[in-house]
Amino acid sequence: MKTNVVELSAQALATVGNLGAVGLKAIEYQLAVEARKQSAFEFGLACETWKAQQGIDFIPKNSPEWDQMLHGLPQLVRDKLWRAKADEKNARARLFRACLKARTA
């Protein structure tokens, strides 16, 4: 069976396009991970500042004191971390979908 050059060229272009999409999604994911790390760092600083202001050294997670601290933090700090986590999760899912598409193409 003879395959013509046009079919091969179309397949090659599709493969290159899919791999390019994977590369772009990988970059987006890496940027989302870095943004989440930065947001987590800022969240940690805000928590440490709040604890210092209250004269507290340690607060266990999911305790009433933890909830009190969260409500004492600026809404912007909390929202930024939650949004960054969601963005990272979505970027990861888009990367995996692009990989699947490239693998099955």
C-alpha atoms as a PDB file:
ATOM      1  CA  MET A   1       0.000   0.000   0.000  1.00  0.00           C
ATOM      2  CA  LYS A   2       1.425   3.331  -1.052  1.00  0.00           C
ATOM      3  CA  THR A   3       1.164   6.355   1.263  1.00  0.00           C
ATOM      4  CA  ASN A   4       1.352   9.695  -0.423  1.00  0.00           C
ATOM      5  CA  VAL A   5       3.555  12.558   0.684  1.00  0.00           C
ATOM      6  CA  VAL A   6       0.605  14.798   1.527  1.00  0.00           C
ATOM      7  CA  GLU A   7      -0.715  12.288   4.083  1.00  0.00           C
ATOM      8  CA  LEU A   8       2.713  11.955   5.698  1.00  0.00           C
ATOM      9  CA  SER A   9       3.153  15.715   5.802  1.00  0.00           C
ATOM     10  CA  ALA A  10      -0.258  16.163   7.423  1.00  0.00           C
ATOM     11  CA  GLN A  11       0.570  13.524  10.038  1.00  0.00           C
ATOM     12  CA  ALA A  12       3.931  15.121  10.743  1.00  0.00           C
ATOM     13  CA  LEU A  13       2.358  18.570  11.118  1.00  0.00           C
ATOM     14  CA  ALA A  14      -0.300  17.170  13.452  1.00  0.00           C
ATOM     15  CA  THR A  15       2.383  15.519  15.583  1.00  0.00           C
ATOM     16  CA  VAL A  16       4.456  18.684  15.735  1.00  0.00           C
ATOM     17  CA  GLY A  17       1.342  20.693  16.609  1.00  0.00           C
ATOM     18  CA  ASN A  18       0.393  18.288  19.395  1.00  0.00           C
ATOM     19  CA  LEU A  19       3.921  18.283  20.798  1.00  0.00           C
ATOM     20  CA  GLY A  20       3.967  22.076  20.660  1.00  0.00           C
ATOM     21  CA  ALA A  21       0.705  22.143  22.617  1.00  0.00           C
ATOM     22  CA  VAL A  22       2.212  19.796  25.214  1.00  0.00           C
ATOM     23  CA  GLY A  23       5.220  22.085  25.546  1.00  0.00           C
ATOM     24  CA  LEU A  24       3.050  25.164  26.037  1.00  0.00           C
ATOM     25  CA  LYS A  25       0.889  23.373  28.613  1.00  0.00           C
ATOM     26  CA  ALA A  26       4.030  22.241  30.437  1.00  0.00           C
ATOM     27  CA  ILE A  27       5.216  25.850  30.636  1.00  0.00           C
ATOM     28  CA  GLU A  28       1.782  26.960  31.876  1.00  0.00           C
ATOM     29  CA  TYR A  29       1.872  24.244  34.534  1.00  0.00           C
ATOM     30  CA  GLN A  30       5.361  25.220  35.667  1.00  0.00           C
ATOM     31  CA  LEU A  31       4.271  28.861  35.977  1.00  0.00           C
ATOM     32  CA  ALA A  32       1.198  27.806  37.967  1.00  0.00           C
ATOM     33  CA  VAL A  33       3.361  25.742  40.336  1.00  0.00           C
ATOM     34  CA  GLU A  34       5.656  28.721  40.905  1.00  0.00           C
ATOM     35  CA  ALA A  35       2.667  31.017  41.515  1.00  0.00           C
ATOM     36  CA  ARG A  36       1.246  28.547  44.035  1.00  0.00           C
ATOM     37  CA  LYS A  37       4.588  28.304  45.824  1.00  0.00           C
ATOM     38  CA  GLN A  38       4.835  32.098  46.011  1.00  0.00           C
ATOM     39  CA  SER A  39       1.270  32.359  47.312  1.00  0.00           C
ATOM     40  CA  ALA A  40       1.955  29.662  49.913  1.00  0.00           C
ATOM     41  CA  PHE A  41       5.055  31.554  51.027  1.00  0.00           C
ATOM     42  CA  GLU A  42       3.067  34.789  51.382  1.00  0.00           C
ATOM     43  CA  PHE A  43       0.322  32.906  53.246  1.00  0.00           C
ATOM     44  CA  GLY A  44       2.935  31.483  55.623  1.00  0.00           C
ATOM     45  CA  LEU A  45       4.355  34.943  56.263  1.00  0.00           C
ATOM     46  CA  ALA A  46       0.883  36.287  56.993  1.00  0.00           C
ATOM     47  CA  CYS A  47       0.273  33.406  59.414  1.00  0.00           C
ATOM     48  CA  GLU A  48       3.589  34.008  61.175  1.00  0.00           C
ATOM     49  CA  THR A  49       2.830  37.725  61.445  1.00  0.00           C
ATOM     50  CA  TRP A  50      -0.619  37.042  62.894  1.00  0.00           C
ATOM     51  CA  LYS A  51       0.765  34.545  65.415  1.00  0.00           C
ATOM     52  CA  ALA A  52       3.497  36.987  66.470  1.00  0.00           C
ATOM     53  CA  GLN A  53       0.911  39.727  66.982  1.00  0.00           C
ATOM     54  CA  GLN A  54      -1.144  37.350  69.140  1.00  0.00           C
ATOM     55  CA  GLY A  55       1.899  36.046  71.045  1.00  0.00           C
ATOM     56  CA  ILE A  56       1.328  32.467  69.818  1.00  0.00           C
ATOM     57  CA  ASP A  57       4.143  30.115  68.767  1.00  0.00           C
ATOM     58  CA  PHE A  58       2.232  27.185  67.259  1.00  0.00           C
ATOM     59  CA  ILE A  59      -1.296  26.523  66.067  1.00  0.00           C
ATOM     60  CA  PRO A  60      -2.338  23.011  65.006  1.00  0.00           C
ATOM     61  CA  LYS A  61      -4.149  22.818  61.686  1.00  0.00           C
ATOM     62  CA  ASN A  62      -7.926  22.391  61.728  1.00  0.00           C
ATOM     63  CA  SER A  63      -8.158  23.545  65.332  1.00  0.00           C
ATOM     64  CA  PRO A  64     -10.424  26.356  66.583  1.00  0.00           C
ATOM     65  CA  GLU A  65      -7.296  28.508  66.897  1.00  0.00           C
ATOM     66  CA  TRP A  66      -6.445  27.756  63.240  1.00  0.00           C
ATOM     67  CA  ASP A  67      -9.898  28.929  62.179  1.00  0.00           C
ATOM     68  CA  GLN A  68      -9.469  32.070  64.281  1.00  0.00           C
ATOM     69  CA  MET A  69      -6.130  32.760  62.606  1.00  0.00           C
ATOM     70  CA  LEU A  70      -7.579  32.250  59.135  1.00  0.00           C
ATOM     71  CA  HIS A  71     -10.333  34.744  59.875  1.00  0.00           C
ATOM     72  CA  GLY A  72      -7.700  37.170  61.163  1.00  0.00           C
ATOM     73  CA  LEU A  73      -5.721  37.083  57.919  1.00  0.00           C
ATOM     74  CA  PRO A  74      -6.446  39.484  55.064  1.00  0.00           C
ATOM     75  CA  GLN A  75      -9.016  38.020  52.663  1.00  0.00           C
ATOM     76  CA  LEU A  76      -6.685  38.794  49.758  1.00  0.00           C
ATOM     77  CA  VAL A  77      -3.952  36.511  51.144  1.00  0.00           C
ATOM     78  CA  ARG A  78      -6.363  33.593  51.615  1.00  0.00           C
ATOM     79  CA  ASP A  79      -8.049  34.092  48.241  1.00  0.00           C
ATOM     80  CA  LYS A  80      -4.713  34.325  46.430  1.00  0.00           C
ATOM     81  CA  LEU A  81      -3.595  30.958  47.820  1.00  0.00           C
ATOM     82  CA  TRP A  82      -6.890  29.193  47.099  1.00  0.00           C
ATOM     83  CA  ARG A  83      -6.938  30.622  43.538  1.00  0.00           C
ATOM     84  CA  ALA A  84      -3.303  29.614  42.949  1.00  0.00           C
ATOM     85  CA  LYS A  85      -4.050  26.063  44.090  1.00  0.00           C
ATOM     86  CA  ALA A  86      -7.040  25.848  41.748  1.00  0.00           C
ATOM     87  CA  ASP A  87      -5.013  27.316  38.863  1.00  0.00           C
ATOM     88  CA  GLU A  88      -2.260  24.739  39.427  1.00  0.00           C
ATOM     89  CA  LYS A  89      -4.768  21.881  39.473  1.00  0.00           C
ATOM     90  CA  ASN A  90      -6.367  23.132  36.241  1.00  0.00           C
ATOM     91  CA  ALA A  91      -3.007  23.644  34.510  1.00  0.00           C
ATOM     92  CA  ARG A  92      -1.989  20.101  35.460  1.00  0.00           C
ATOM     93  CA  ALA A  93      -5.223  18.711  34.031  1.00  0.00           C
ATOM     94  CA  ARG A  94      -4.731  20.667  30.785  1.00  0.00           C
ATOM     95  CA  LEU A  95      -1.163  19.344  30.502  1.00  0.00           C
ATOM     96  CA  PHE A  96      -2.326  15.760  30.990  1.00  0.00           C
ATOM     97  CA  ARG A  97      -5.087  16.194  28.392  1.00  0.00           C
ATOM     98  CA  ALA A  98      -2.564  17.599  25.896  1.00  0.00           C
ATOM     99  CA  CYS A  99      -0.259  14.635  26.567  1.00  0.00           C
ATOM    100  CA  LEU A 100      -3.105  12.200  26.030  1.00  0.00           C
ATOM    101  CA  LYS A 101      -4.077  13.912  22.787  1.00  0.00           C
ATOM    102  CA  ALA A 102      -0.479  13.818  21.535  1.00  0.00           C
ATOM    103  CA  ARG A 103      -0.165  10.139  22.472  1.00  0.00           C
ATOM    104  CA  THR A 104      -3.359   9.080  20.718  1.00  0.00           C
ATOM    105  CA  ALA A 105      -2.934  11.239  17.627  1.00  0.00           C
END
